[in-house]
Amino acid sequence: MKNFLLSAIIACFAVGAVSAQDRGSWGVGPRMGIYTHAGAEGAIFGIGAIGRYTFADHWRVEPGITALCEKGCSVDINADAQYLFPVAGVWSVYPAIGLSANDFGGWSCGINIGAGTDFTIGRHWDVSAGFKWMLQTAEYHKNPIVITIGGTYKF
């Protein structure tokens, strides 16, 4: 499991993204999240990495992996598609939809629905915040709402 996690984190750092105006651009960065409504123990803290790739003027994909800080070793692997709406030169908002797989207590797959915002703080750096609702397939899983913050280094 440790080799899998290390390989997945390295893969996330190998991909990335940037602003809506830079088609074909990449970025990588750290991300922290709180998984609310995730089970009987309450909220779960997660830390991980994302990659972003902008493939059209306003479209990008964002794969990511998050290590969940709970009893035992848990992981959340996801990939979202985002459509960016530029609000100002350094600020954009986006809706997101994607797929996820995690092991909150047994492996489960799901669909992510959410939104977020990016704010450019330098030539190569963005900070971001967002939330998403994870609709899980397993009956015994809750459908957590994930609140995230992070940064992205743009190439």
C-alpha atoms as a PDB file:
ATOM      1  CA  MET A   1       0.000   0.000   0.000  1.00  0.00           C
ATOM      2  CA  LYS A   2       2.867   2.389   0.786  1.00  0.00           C
ATOM      3  CA  ASN A   3       4.408   1.821  -2.662  1.00  0.00           C
ATOM      4  CA  PHE A   4       1.027   2.491  -4.264  1.00  0.00           C
ATOM      5  CA  LEU A   5       0.597   5.736  -2.317  1.00  0.00           C
ATOM      6  CA  LEU A   6       4.113   6.897  -3.185  1.00  0.00           C
ATOM      7  CA  SER A   7       3.592   6.073  -6.870  1.00  0.00           C
ATOM      8  CA  ALA A   8       0.243   7.887  -6.923  1.00  0.00           C
ATOM      9  CA  ILE A   9       1.737  10.996  -5.275  1.00  0.00           C
ATOM     10  CA  ILE A  10       4.602  11.033  -7.779  1.00  0.00           C
ATOM     11  CA  ALA A  11       2.071  10.674 -10.625  1.00  0.00           C
ATOM     12  CA  CYS A  12       0.122  13.658  -9.286  1.00  0.00           C
ATOM     13  CA  PHE A  13       3.268  15.763  -9.228  1.00  0.00           C
ATOM     14  CA  ALA A  14       3.937  14.742 -12.837  1.00  0.00           C
ATOM     15  CA  VAL A  15       0.707  16.421 -14.011  1.00  0.00           C
ATOM     16  CA  GLY A  16      -0.793  19.867 -13.338  1.00  0.00           C
ATOM     17  CA  ALA A  17      -2.548  23.066 -14.583  1.00  0.00           C
ATOM     18  CA  VAL A  18      -2.888  26.808 -14.709  1.00  0.00           C
ATOM     19  CA  SER A  19      -5.243  29.651 -15.542  1.00  0.00           C
ATOM     20  CA  ALA A  20      -8.064  29.536 -18.068  1.00  0.00           C
ATOM     21  CA  GLN A  21      -6.144  31.543 -20.658  1.00  0.00           C
ATOM     22  CA  ASP A  22      -3.181  29.146 -20.959  1.00  0.00           C
ATOM     23  CA  ARG A  23      -4.332  26.161 -23.000  1.00  0.00           C
ATOM     24  CA  GLY A  24      -1.933  23.230 -22.756  1.00  0.00           C
ATOM     25  CA  SER A  25      -0.407  24.399 -19.460  1.00  0.00           C
ATOM     26  CA  TRP A  26       0.396  22.324 -16.381  1.00  0.00           C
ATOM     27  CA  GLY A  27       0.578  22.831 -12.632  1.00  0.00           C
ATOM     28  CA  VAL A  28       1.055  20.868  -9.414  1.00  0.00           C
ATOM     29  CA  GLY A  29       0.517  21.609  -5.784  1.00  0.00           C
ATOM     30  CA  PRO A  30      -0.374  20.572  -2.247  1.00  0.00           C
ATOM     31  CA  ARG A  31      -3.935  20.408  -0.984  1.00  0.00           C
ATOM     32  CA  MET A  32      -5.545  20.020   2.451  1.00  0.00           C
ATOM     33  CA  GLY A  33      -9.134  19.063   3.043  1.00  0.00           C
ATOM     34  CA  ILE A  34     -11.745  18.372   5.677  1.00  0.00           C
ATOM     35  CA  TYR A  35     -14.125  15.495   4.906  1.00  0.00           C
ATOM     36  CA  THR A  36     -17.331  16.336   6.778  1.00  0.00           C
ATOM     37  CA  HIS A  37     -20.166  13.877   7.291  1.00  0.00           C
ATOM     38  CA  ALA A  38     -17.699  11.039   6.620  1.00  0.00           C
ATOM     39  CA  GLY A  39     -18.716   8.668   9.390  1.00  0.00           C
ATOM     40  CA  ALA A  40     -19.416   8.186  13.069  1.00  0.00           C
ATOM     41  CA  GLU A  41     -16.061   9.642  14.170  1.00  0.00           C
ATOM     42  CA  GLY A  42     -16.894  13.047  12.699  1.00  0.00           C
ATOM     43  CA  ALA A  43     -14.778  15.040  10.253  1.00  0.00           C
ATOM     44  CA  ILE A  44     -11.610  13.565   8.729  1.00  0.00           C
ATOM     45  CA  PHE A  45      -8.541  15.671   7.866  1.00  0.00           C
ATOM     46  CA  GLY A  46      -6.717  14.891   4.614  1.00  0.00           C
ATOM     47  CA  ILE A  47      -3.508  16.096   3.015  1.00  0.00           C
ATOM     48  CA  GLY A  48      -2.380  15.356  -0.515  1.00  0.00           C
ATOM     49  CA  ALA A  49      -1.344  16.589  -3.927  1.00  0.00           C
ATOM     50  CA  ILE A  50      -3.078  17.622  -7.131  1.00  0.00           C
ATOM     51  CA  GLY A  51      -2.093  18.051 -10.727  1.00  0.00           C
ATOM     52  CA  ARG A  52      -3.834  20.278 -13.233  1.00  0.00           C
ATOM     53  CA  TYR A  53      -3.853  20.334 -17.002  1.00  0.00           C
ATOM     54  CA  THR A  54      -5.689  22.986 -19.043  1.00  0.00           C
ATOM     55  CA  PHE A  55      -6.723  21.368 -22.337  1.00  0.00           C
ATOM     56  CA  ALA A  56      -8.998  24.123 -23.750  1.00  0.00           C
ATOM     57  CA  ASP A  57      -9.473  27.833 -23.168  1.00  0.00           C
ATOM     58  CA  HIS A  58     -11.678  27.345 -20.088  1.00  0.00           C
ATOM     59  CA  TRP A  59     -11.515  23.576 -19.435  1.00  0.00           C
ATOM     60  CA  ARG A  60      -9.067  21.724 -17.234  1.00  0.00           C
ATOM     61  CA  VAL A  61      -8.726  18.369 -15.489  1.00  0.00           C
ATOM     62  CA  GLU A  62      -7.500  17.946 -11.943  1.00  0.00           C
ATOM     63  CA  PRO A  63      -6.419  14.497 -10.729  1.00  0.00           C
ATOM     64  CA  GLY A  64      -5.457  14.234  -7.078  1.00  0.00           C
ATOM     65  CA  ILE A  65      -4.628  11.913  -4.218  1.00  0.00           C
ATOM     66  CA  THR A  66      -5.257  12.559  -0.543  1.00  0.00           C
ATOM     67  CA  ALA A  67      -3.998  10.632   2.476  1.00  0.00           C
ATOM     68  CA  LEU A  68      -6.762  10.615   5.074  1.00  0.00           C
ATOM     69  CA  CYS A  69      -5.674  11.038   8.691  1.00  0.00           C
ATOM     70  CA  GLU A  70      -7.887   8.539  10.431  1.00  0.00           C
ATOM     71  CA  LYS A  71      -7.435   5.131  12.062  1.00  0.00           C
ATOM     72  CA  GLY A  72      -5.341   2.966   9.785  1.00  0.00           C
ATOM     73  CA  CYS A  73      -4.271   4.006   6.314  1.00  0.00           C
ATOM     74  CA  SER A  74      -6.921   5.554   4.094  1.00  0.00           C
ATOM     75  CA  VAL A  75      -6.664   7.200   0.703  1.00  0.00           C
ATOM     76  CA  ASP A  76      -8.929   9.188  -1.618  1.00  0.00           C
ATOM     77  CA  ILE A  77      -8.090   9.193  -5.343  1.00  0.00           C
ATOM     78  CA  ASN A  78     -10.096  11.503  -7.605  1.00  0.00           C
ATOM     79  CA  ALA A  79     -10.172  13.256 -10.963  1.00  0.00           C
ATOM     80  CA  ASP A  80     -12.355  16.276 -11.701  1.00  0.00           C
ATOM     81  CA  ALA A  81     -13.152  18.298 -14.816  1.00  0.00           C
ATOM     82  CA  GLN A  82     -13.519  22.039 -14.233  1.00  0.00           C
ATOM     83  CA  TYR A  83     -14.857  24.884 -16.359  1.00  0.00           C
ATOM     84  CA  LEU A  84     -13.249  28.214 -15.397  1.00  0.00           C
ATOM     85  CA  PHE A  85     -15.148  31.504 -15.395  1.00  0.00           C
ATOM     86  CA  PRO A  86     -12.685  34.419 -15.189  1.00  0.00           C
ATOM     87  CA  VAL A  87     -14.090  37.019 -12.763  1.00  0.00           C
ATOM     88  CA  ALA A  88     -11.100  39.362 -12.846  1.00  0.00           C
ATOM     89  CA  GLY A  89      -7.569  39.132 -14.250  1.00  0.00           C
ATOM     90  CA  VAL A  90      -6.303  37.241 -11.190  1.00  0.00           C
ATOM     91  CA  TRP A  91      -9.487  35.561  -9.982  1.00  0.00           C
ATOM     92  CA  SER A  92     -11.654  32.778 -11.431  1.00  0.00           C
ATOM     93  CA  VAL A  93     -14.456  30.516 -10.225  1.00  0.00           C
ATOM     94  CA  TYR A  94     -15.399  27.067 -11.503  1.00  0.00           C
ATOM     95  CA  PRO A  95     -17.943  24.274 -11.207  1.00  0.00           C
ATOM     96  CA  ALA A  96     -16.456  20.794 -11.060  1.00  0.00           C
ATOM     97  CA  ILE A  97     -17.621  17.243 -11.719  1.00  0.00           C
ATOM     98  CA  GLY A  98     -15.586  14.073 -11.519  1.00  0.00           C
ATOM     99  CA  LEU A  99     -14.981  10.564 -10.225  1.00  0.00           C
ATOM    100  CA  SER A 100     -13.438   9.302  -6.996  1.00  0.00           C
ATOM    101  CA  ALA A 101     -12.408   6.106  -5.256  1.00  0.00           C
ATOM    102  CA  ASN A 102     -11.610   5.843  -1.558  1.00  0.00           C
ATOM    103  CA  ASP A 103     -11.372   3.429   1.340  1.00  0.00           C
ATOM    104  CA  PHE A 104     -13.201   5.134   4.218  1.00  0.00           C
ATOM    105  CA  GLY A 105     -13.966   1.671   5.610  1.00  0.00           C
ATOM    106  CA  GLY A 106     -13.984  -0.423   2.460  1.00  0.00           C
ATOM    107  CA  TRP A 107     -13.355   0.561  -1.138  1.00  0.00           C
ATOM    108  CA  SER A 108     -16.033   2.667  -2.746  1.00  0.00           C
ATOM    109  CA  CYS A 109     -16.401   4.647  -5.961  1.00  0.00           C
ATOM    110  CA  GLY A 110     -18.357   7.811  -6.426  1.00  0.00           C
ATOM    111  CA  ILE A 111     -19.181  10.951  -8.340  1.00  0.00           C
ATOM    112  CA  ASN A 112     -17.933  14.393  -7.262  1.00  0.00           C
ATOM    113  CA  ILE A 113     -20.029  17.533  -7.713  1.00  0.00           C
ATOM    114  CA  GLY A 114     -18.660  20.855  -6.512  1.00  0.00           C
ATOM    115  CA  ALA A 115     -17.270  24.317  -7.102  1.00  0.00           C
ATOM    116  CA  GLY A 116     -14.192  26.347  -6.297  1.00  0.00           C
ATOM    117  CA  THR A 117     -12.152  29.462  -6.857  1.00  0.00           C
ATOM    118  CA  ASP A 118      -8.558  30.276  -7.846  1.00  0.00           C
ATOM    119  CA  PHE A 119      -6.675  33.459  -7.048  1.00  0.00           C
ATOM    120  CA  THR A 120      -3.320  34.234  -8.698  1.00  0.00           C
ATOM    121  CA  ILE A 121      -0.743  35.502  -6.193  1.00  0.00           C
ATOM    122  CA  GLY A 122       2.282  35.548  -8.475  1.00  0.00           C
ATOM    123  CA  ARG A 123       3.464  34.711 -11.952  1.00  0.00           C
ATOM    124  CA  HIS A 124       3.684  30.997 -11.171  1.00  0.00           C
ATOM    125  CA  TRP A 125       1.443  30.587  -8.114  1.00  0.00           C
ATOM    126  CA  ASP A 126      -2.298  30.268  -7.500  1.00  0.00           C
ATOM    127  CA  VAL A 127      -4.146  29.628  -4.244  1.00  0.00           C
ATOM    128  CA  SER A 128      -7.447  27.814  -4.393  1.00  0.00           C
ATOM    129  CA  ALA A 129     -10.392  26.900  -2.223  1.00  0.00           C
ATOM    130  CA  GLY A 130     -13.334  24.697  -2.988  1.00  0.00           C
ATOM    131  CA  PHE A 131     -15.902  22.190  -1.880  1.00  0.00           C
ATOM    132  CA  LYS A 132     -17.443  19.078  -3.374  1.00  0.00           C
ATOM    133  CA  TRP A 133     -20.073  16.547  -2.510  1.00  0.00           C
ATOM    134  CA  MET A 134     -18.941  12.950  -3.007  1.00  0.00           C
ATOM    135  CA  LEU A 135     -21.813  10.613  -3.898  1.00  0.00           C
ATOM    136  CA  GLN A 136     -20.551   7.161  -2.865  1.00  0.00           C
ATOM    137  CA  THR A 137     -21.645   3.766  -4.221  1.00  0.00           C
ATOM    138  CA  ALA A 138     -21.335   1.666  -1.051  1.00  0.00           C
ATOM    139  CA  GLU A 139     -24.477   1.498   1.098  1.00  0.00           C
ATOM    140  CA  TYR A 140     -22.599   1.828   4.397  1.00  0.00           C
ATOM    141  CA  HIS A 141     -20.680   4.943   3.305  1.00  0.00           C
ATOM    142  CA  LYS A 142     -21.805   8.431   4.061  1.00  0.00           C
ATOM    143  CA  ASN A 143     -21.684  10.969   1.227  1.00  0.00           C
ATOM    144  CA  PRO A 144     -19.062  13.397   2.542  1.00  0.00           C
ATOM    145  CA  ILE A 145     -18.761  17.059   1.707  1.00  0.00           C
ATOM    146  CA  VAL A 146     -15.097  17.954   1.234  1.00  0.00           C
ATOM    147  CA  ILE A 147     -13.832  21.478   1.915  1.00  0.00           C
ATOM    148  CA  THR A 148     -10.348  22.110   0.464  1.00  0.00           C
ATOM    149  CA  ILE A 149      -7.604  24.720   0.320  1.00  0.00           C
ATOM    150  CA  GLY A 150      -4.336  24.516  -1.567  1.00  0.00           C
ATOM    151  CA  GLY A 151      -1.836  26.027  -3.890  1.00  0.00           C
ATOM    152  CA  THR A 152      -0.691  25.399  -7.450  1.00  0.00           C
ATOM    153  CA  TYR A 153       2.701  26.019  -9.006  1.00  0.00           C
ATOM    154  CA  LYS A 154       2.112  26.759 -12.712  1.00  0.00           C
ATOM    155  CA  PHE A 155       4.552  25.712 -15.435  1.00  0.00           C
END
